[in-house]
Each structure stands twice: as structure tokens, then as C-alpha cells.
Amino acid sequence: SQERVLTATTQILEENQRELIRLERLSLAGLLTANIFHDIRKPVTNIKHELDDLSEALGGFSGAARPLKNMSDQVQLFFDILRDLNIERFVRADQMDEEYVDVNRVIEQSLKLVQYERGSVHLRVNLADDLPLVLTHPYRLIQVFSNIALNAYQASGARGELQINTKVQRADRSHPDLDHVMVEIIDDGPGIPVEDQPYVFSPFYTTKPEGKGTGLGLYISRMIVEQIGGAIEVESQAGNGTRFVVYLPAAE
């Protein structure tokens, strides 16, 4: 009996070690990505200047105007994405101070961060215009919402619909102390089997294939939300989609 327990414990420790090694590799990949964006900013800036000069030199040639504008637009798109995602700040988020955060803006940034996985998913975003601010690290919240949206995209197989709603939940019996910002993230994907739902926020739980996830995303998301005094809930039925609700305390 002791030998079986020792063997099982050893297997668990080995699995956890493999997951932590993979997590460290993901962290390194994030740092490398930030460095890559930093390194390619300069040559793309040079391309932008050359295009400006070329446009001025070829201004009289009507056939050149359209392709030059298209190239210039694509260069500008690169800078827009770089500005909106702000990868370098995202990677170094733990070094930042808390600030008053517009949750709607965080939602928009989170969706841009994972738009590469959206595929043909129809996105419906309904953002209330009267939300109070939330005091937190903005890039930690981006980590929460981008993780949930990414899970929805991957579970849906790049099809279906994802709906995100924000609104104010006024102080009541369930939240007697403060108003809260409530964020709903609803997909019509395959849902979560009933037997798996108690483990959704457990570390290393994942239904994704090898290489697609660490099983830490939702565990860390709940930890981030609870650290600022919020809460995160999930409702799901196999075959009928999933609804995550995140409650964030309004700044006083």
C-alpha cells in the first residue's frame, strides 16, 4: 500500500514538474515575443519613411498611388496593433503599479490579443457606457479576459458565436459592500461536461490536446480576480455552451 502511494505521488510530482517546465518555456516565449516586436519596430519604421519618400517621388504616377497607399496602410496597421497590444508592458505586468482601469478598454485589448484564434466566430460585444473604474493591474485583467476568450475560440473550433457583455451590478444582498462591474462571456460551443465542472478552476486541469494549454489559465484567472476582491463563476451544459461571469469591485 505504501509503495502504491509512493508511486502515485512520484507520478504526480513528475507531471507537475513537466507542467512547470512548460510554463517556464511559455514565459520565455513571451519575453522573446516582446524582444522580437522591439527589434522589428525599427526596420518597419524605416520602411514607413521609405514609403513616404517613394509616394512623394511617384506622386504623379496614378498607377502607383493605390499600391503605395495599400503598403502604407499595412505598415500603419502593424504600429496600431503594436500600440494596442503593448506586448512589452503585458509581459512585465507584475512590475507595474495598480491604476484605475476602464474594464471596457481592457475587454477590447484582450480581444485584440487573441484575435488570431477567432476564425469565423461571430463576435457580439455589448459594453455599458456607465461603468465605474476598477483599481487593479490592467494587464492582469487582460490576462483573465484573453484567456477566457481564447478558450471559447478554441473550444468552438473557430465557429459559432461569442458574446461579451459588461454592466454595473449595484450593491445588494449578494454584494452588499460595493458596486461591481459584471462581465459576461458567453459562447455556444460544446460546453463543459457536468463531471468536469468542479475542476474547471483547478491547476493543471485541461481538456486541450498536448501543446495547446498548460491547464493553468483559469486557475490563474480566478486567483487574479480574487486578489482584487472579485469573483468568477461558470455555468455550462455539455452541448449548450458556457457562460463565465466575472465580478470586479468598483473603485471607491
Protein backbone atom coordinates (compact mmCIF):
# COMPACT_ATOMS: atom_id res chain seq x y z
CA SER A 1 0.00 0.00 0.00
CA GLN A 2 2.81 2.43 0.87
CA GLU A 3 4.59 1.51 -2.34
CA ARG A 4 1.47 2.30 -4.39
CA VAL A 5 1.07 5.66 -2.62
CA LEU A 6 4.75 6.45 -3.21
CA THR A 7 4.47 5.53 -6.88
CA ALA A 8 1.34 7.64 -7.34
CA THR A 9 2.93 10.60 -5.53
CA THR A 10 6.06 10.32 -7.67
CA GLN A 11 3.95 10.32 -10.85
CA ILE A 12 2.07 13.43 -9.71
CA LEU A 13 5.32 15.22 -8.87
CA GLU A 14 6.81 14.30 -12.24
CA GLU A 15 3.71 15.53 -14.06
CA ASN A 16 3.73 18.79 -12.11
CA GLN A 17 7.40 19.23 -12.87
CA ARG A 18 6.75 18.77 -16.60
CA GLU A 19 3.94 21.33 -16.45
CA LEU A 20 6.12 23.85 -14.60
CA ILE A 21 8.89 23.39 -17.14
CA ARG A 22 6.38 24.01 -19.92
CA LEU A 23 5.09 27.10 -18.09
CA GLU A 24 8.62 28.44 -17.83
CA ARG A 25 9.03 27.82 -21.56
CA LEU A 26 5.84 29.79 -22.22
CA SER A 27 7.14 32.62 -20.05
CA LEU A 28 10.37 32.66 -22.03
CA ALA A 29 8.37 32.65 -25.26
CA GLY A 30 6.55 35.73 -24.01
CA LEU A 31 9.79 37.53 -23.31
CA LEU A 32 11.16 36.54 -26.71
CA THR A 33 8.00 37.84 -28.38
CA ALA A 34 8.38 41.19 -26.65
CA ASN A 35 12.00 41.38 -27.77
CA ILE A 36 11.07 40.45 -31.34
CA PHE A 37 8.47 43.22 -31.51
CA HIS A 38 11.05 45.65 -30.15
CA ASP A 39 13.65 44.57 -32.72
CA ILE A 40 11.36 44.72 -35.76
CA ARG A 41 9.90 48.11 -34.86
CA LYS A 42 12.98 49.91 -36.20
CA PRO A 43 13.12 48.29 -39.69
CA VAL A 44 9.37 48.72 -40.11
CA THR A 45 9.78 52.38 -39.16
CA ASN A 46 12.45 52.65 -41.85
CA ILE A 47 10.07 51.05 -44.37
CA LYS A 48 7.44 53.63 -43.44
CA HIS A 49 9.86 56.51 -44.10
CA GLU A 50 10.95 54.98 -47.44
CA LEU A 51 7.31 54.58 -48.49
CA ASP A 52 6.65 58.23 -47.65
CA ASP A 53 9.61 59.27 -49.80
CA LEU A 54 8.56 56.95 -52.62
CA SER A 55 4.99 58.25 -52.53
CA GLU A 56 6.28 61.79 -52.85
CA ALA A 57 8.63 60.88 -55.71
CA LEU A 58 5.96 58.92 -57.63
CA GLY A 59 3.08 61.22 -56.80
CA GLY A 60 2.48 61.97 -60.47
CA PHE A 61 2.04 58.35 -61.49
CA SER A 62 -1.59 57.40 -60.95
CA GLY A 63 -0.84 53.67 -61.19
CA ALA A 64 1.50 53.84 -58.22
CA ALA A 65 -0.85 55.62 -55.84
CA ARG A 66 -3.04 52.66 -54.89
CA PRO A 67 -0.33 50.04 -54.19
CA LEU A 68 1.73 52.59 -52.27
CA LYS A 69 -1.27 53.50 -50.14
CA ASN A 70 -2.01 49.81 -49.52
CA MET A 71 1.57 49.23 -48.34
CA SER A 72 1.47 52.33 -46.17
CA ASP A 73 -1.83 51.19 -44.62
CA GLN A 74 -0.35 47.78 -43.78
CA VAL A 75 2.66 49.40 -42.12
CA GLN A 76 0.33 51.62 -40.08
CA LEU A 77 -1.72 48.55 -39.11
CA PHE A 78 1.44 47.00 -37.67
CA PHE A 79 2.03 50.06 -35.48
CA ASP A 80 -1.65 50.15 -34.44
CA ILE A 81 -1.54 46.51 -33.34
CA LEU A 82 1.76 47.03 -31.54
CA ARG A 83 0.33 50.04 -29.71
CA ASP A 84 -2.94 48.34 -28.77
CA LEU A 85 -1.44 45.05 -27.62
CA ASN A 86 1.57 46.62 -25.91
CA ILE A 87 3.25 43.23 -25.59
CA GLU A 88 6.22 44.57 -23.66
CA ARG A 89 4.03 46.00 -20.89
CA PHE A 90 1.90 42.83 -20.86
CA VAL A 91 4.95 40.61 -20.25
CA ARG A 92 6.24 42.91 -17.47
CA ALA A 93 2.83 43.49 -15.86
CA ASP A 94 3.94 42.35 -12.39
CA GLN A 95 6.37 45.28 -12.24
CA MET A 96 3.60 47.84 -12.68
CA ASP A 97 1.64 49.73 -10.04
CA GLU A 98 -2.11 49.44 -9.73
CA GLU A 99 -4.16 52.02 -11.56
CA TYR A 100 -7.79 52.94 -12.19
CA VAL A 101 -8.84 50.76 -15.09
CA ASP A 102 -11.60 51.09 -17.67
CA VAL A 103 -12.85 47.50 -17.98
CA ASN A 104 -14.36 48.15 -21.42
CA ARG A 105 -10.93 49.18 -22.70
CA VAL A 106 -9.42 46.05 -21.14
CA ILE A 107 -12.01 43.89 -22.95
CA GLU A 108 -11.11 45.49 -26.28
CA GLN A 109 -7.38 44.93 -25.70
CA SER A 110 -7.98 41.34 -24.61
CA LEU A 111 -9.90 40.53 -27.79
CA LYS A 112 -7.16 42.01 -29.97
CA LEU A 113 -4.58 39.88 -28.17
CA VAL A 114 -6.32 36.62 -29.16
CA GLN A 115 -7.91 37.65 -32.46
CA TYR A 116 -5.62 35.23 -34.32
CA GLU A 117 -7.73 32.33 -32.92
CA ARG A 118 -11.11 33.86 -33.72
CA GLY A 119 -11.58 32.25 -37.14
CA SER A 120 -15.20 32.55 -38.24
CA VAL A 121 -16.61 33.02 -34.75
CA HIS A 122 -19.27 35.77 -34.74
CA LEU A 123 -18.36 38.25 -32.01
CA ARG A 124 -21.02 40.32 -30.25
CA VAL A 125 -19.74 42.89 -27.76
CA ASN A 126 -22.15 44.94 -25.66
CA LEU A 127 -20.23 47.35 -23.44
CA ALA A 128 -22.10 49.56 -20.98
CA ASP A 129 -21.07 53.21 -21.09
CA ASP A 130 -21.58 53.91 -17.38
CA LEU A 131 -19.07 51.52 -15.84
CA PRO A 132 -17.17 52.62 -12.74
CA LEU A 133 -13.40 52.22 -12.78
CA VAL A 134 -11.65 49.26 -11.14
CA LEU A 135 -8.38 49.58 -9.20
CA THR A 136 -6.01 46.87 -10.39
CA HIS A 137 -3.12 45.99 -12.69
CA PRO A 138 -4.66 46.36 -16.16
CA TYR A 139 -2.55 43.69 -17.80
CA ARG A 140 -3.56 41.13 -15.21
CA LEU A 141 -7.17 41.70 -16.22
CA ILE A 142 -6.16 41.38 -19.86
CA GLN A 143 -4.68 38.02 -18.92
CA VAL A 144 -8.05 36.97 -17.42
CA PHE A 145 -10.30 38.01 -20.29
CA SER A 146 -7.97 36.98 -23.11
CA ASN A 147 -7.65 33.56 -21.52
CA ILE A 148 -11.42 33.02 -21.32
CA ALA A 149 -11.97 34.32 -24.86
CA LEU A 150 -9.14 32.14 -26.19
CA ASN A 151 -10.68 29.07 -24.52
CA ALA A 152 -14.03 29.88 -26.16
CA TYR A 153 -12.46 30.31 -29.61
CA GLN A 154 -10.52 27.08 -29.37
CA ALA A 155 -13.45 25.10 -27.98
CA SER A 156 -15.76 26.34 -30.74
CA GLY A 157 -13.40 25.22 -33.48
CA ALA A 158 -13.35 28.76 -34.89
CA ARG A 159 -17.10 28.72 -35.49
CA GLY A 160 -20.24 29.75 -33.63
CA GLU A 161 -20.74 32.87 -31.55
CA LEU A 162 -19.04 34.60 -28.65
CA GLN A 163 -20.93 37.27 -26.72
CA ILE A 164 -19.37 39.63 -24.19
CA ASN A 165 -21.45 41.97 -22.04
CA THR A 166 -20.46 44.48 -19.39
CA LYS A 167 -22.77 46.19 -16.92
CA VAL A 168 -22.91 47.57 -13.39
CA GLN A 169 -24.20 45.39 -10.59
CA ARG A 170 -25.34 47.65 -7.80
CA ALA A 171 -24.68 46.70 -4.19
CA ASP A 172 -27.26 44.21 -2.97
CA ARG A 173 -27.55 41.23 -0.67
CA SER A 174 -25.09 39.14 -2.67
CA HIS A 175 -22.60 42.05 -2.93
CA PRO A 176 -23.54 44.33 -0.01
CA ASP A 177 -20.40 46.45 0.26
CA LEU A 178 -19.69 47.85 -3.18
CA ASP A 179 -20.99 48.23 -6.69
CA HIS A 180 -19.39 45.74 -9.05
CA VAL A 181 -18.54 45.67 -12.72
CA MET A 182 -20.01 42.48 -14.13
CA VAL A 183 -18.55 40.90 -17.26
CA GLU A 184 -20.36 38.06 -19.02
CA ILE A 185 -18.50 35.92 -21.57
CA ILE A 186 -20.91 33.53 -23.30
CA ASP A 187 -20.16 31.05 -26.05
CA ASP A 188 -22.30 28.48 -27.84
CA GLY A 189 -19.55 25.88 -28.02
CA PRO A 190 -19.59 22.27 -26.85
CA GLY A 191 -19.84 23.21 -23.18
CA ILE A 192 -18.23 21.52 -20.18
CA PRO A 193 -19.35 18.05 -19.06
CA VAL A 194 -21.05 18.05 -15.66
CA GLU A 195 -18.44 15.72 -14.15
CA ASP A 196 -15.64 18.11 -15.16
CA GLN A 197 -17.18 21.35 -13.90
CA PRO A 198 -15.89 21.06 -10.28
CA TYR A 199 -12.34 21.00 -11.67
CA VAL A 200 -12.55 23.91 -14.14
CA PHE A 201 -10.55 26.25 -11.88
CA SER A 202 -8.18 23.54 -10.61
CA PRO A 203 -4.49 23.80 -11.51
CA PHE A 204 -3.37 21.64 -14.44
CA TYR A 205 -6.93 20.76 -15.46
CA THR A 206 -7.35 20.96 -19.23
CA THR A 207 -9.33 19.31 -21.99
CA LYS A 208 -7.00 20.66 -24.66
CA PRO A 209 -4.61 18.41 -26.59
CA GLU A 210 -0.89 18.31 -25.78
CA GLY A 211 0.80 21.60 -26.61
CA LYS A 212 -2.43 23.64 -26.65
CA GLY A 213 -2.59 24.60 -22.99
CA THR A 214 -0.97 24.26 -19.57
CA GLY A 215 -4.16 23.81 -17.56
CA LEU A 216 -3.26 26.89 -15.53
CA GLY A 217 -5.18 29.61 -17.38
CA LEU A 218 -8.46 29.51 -15.47
CA TYR A 219 -6.74 28.71 -12.18
CA ILE A 220 -4.58 31.83 -12.52
CA SER A 221 -7.56 33.86 -13.79
CA ARG A 222 -9.55 33.07 -10.65
CA MET A 223 -6.53 33.88 -8.48
CA ILE A 224 -6.11 37.29 -10.18
CA VAL A 225 -9.81 38.15 -9.83
CA GLU A 226 -9.97 37.09 -6.16
CA GLN A 227 -6.82 39.05 -5.32
CA ILE A 228 -8.66 42.29 -6.15
CA GLY A 229 -11.75 41.25 -4.19
CA GLY A 230 -13.77 39.94 -7.12
CA ALA A 231 -15.26 36.61 -8.06
CA ILE A 232 -15.56 34.42 -11.14
CA GLU A 233 -18.30 31.88 -11.85
CA VAL A 234 -19.02 29.40 -14.62
CA GLU A 235 -22.25 27.86 -15.87
CA SER A 236 -22.25 25.22 -18.58
CA GLN A 237 -24.04 22.24 -20.05
CA ALA A 238 -22.46 19.75 -22.40
CA GLY A 239 -23.53 20.69 -25.93
CA ASN A 240 -25.08 24.00 -24.86
CA GLY A 241 -22.20 26.41 -24.47
CA THR A 242 -20.55 28.05 -21.48
CA ARG A 243 -21.13 31.27 -19.56
CA PHE A 244 -18.40 32.85 -17.45
CA VAL A 245 -19.28 35.77 -15.18
CA VAL A 246 -16.58 37.93 -13.64
CA TYR A 247 -17.41 40.37 -10.82
CA LEU A 248 -14.92 43.20 -10.20
CA PRO A 249 -15.30 45.62 -7.28
CA ALA A 250 -15.75 49.23 -8.31
CA ALA A 251 -13.09 51.62 -7.08
CA GLU A 252 -14.25 53.66 -4.09
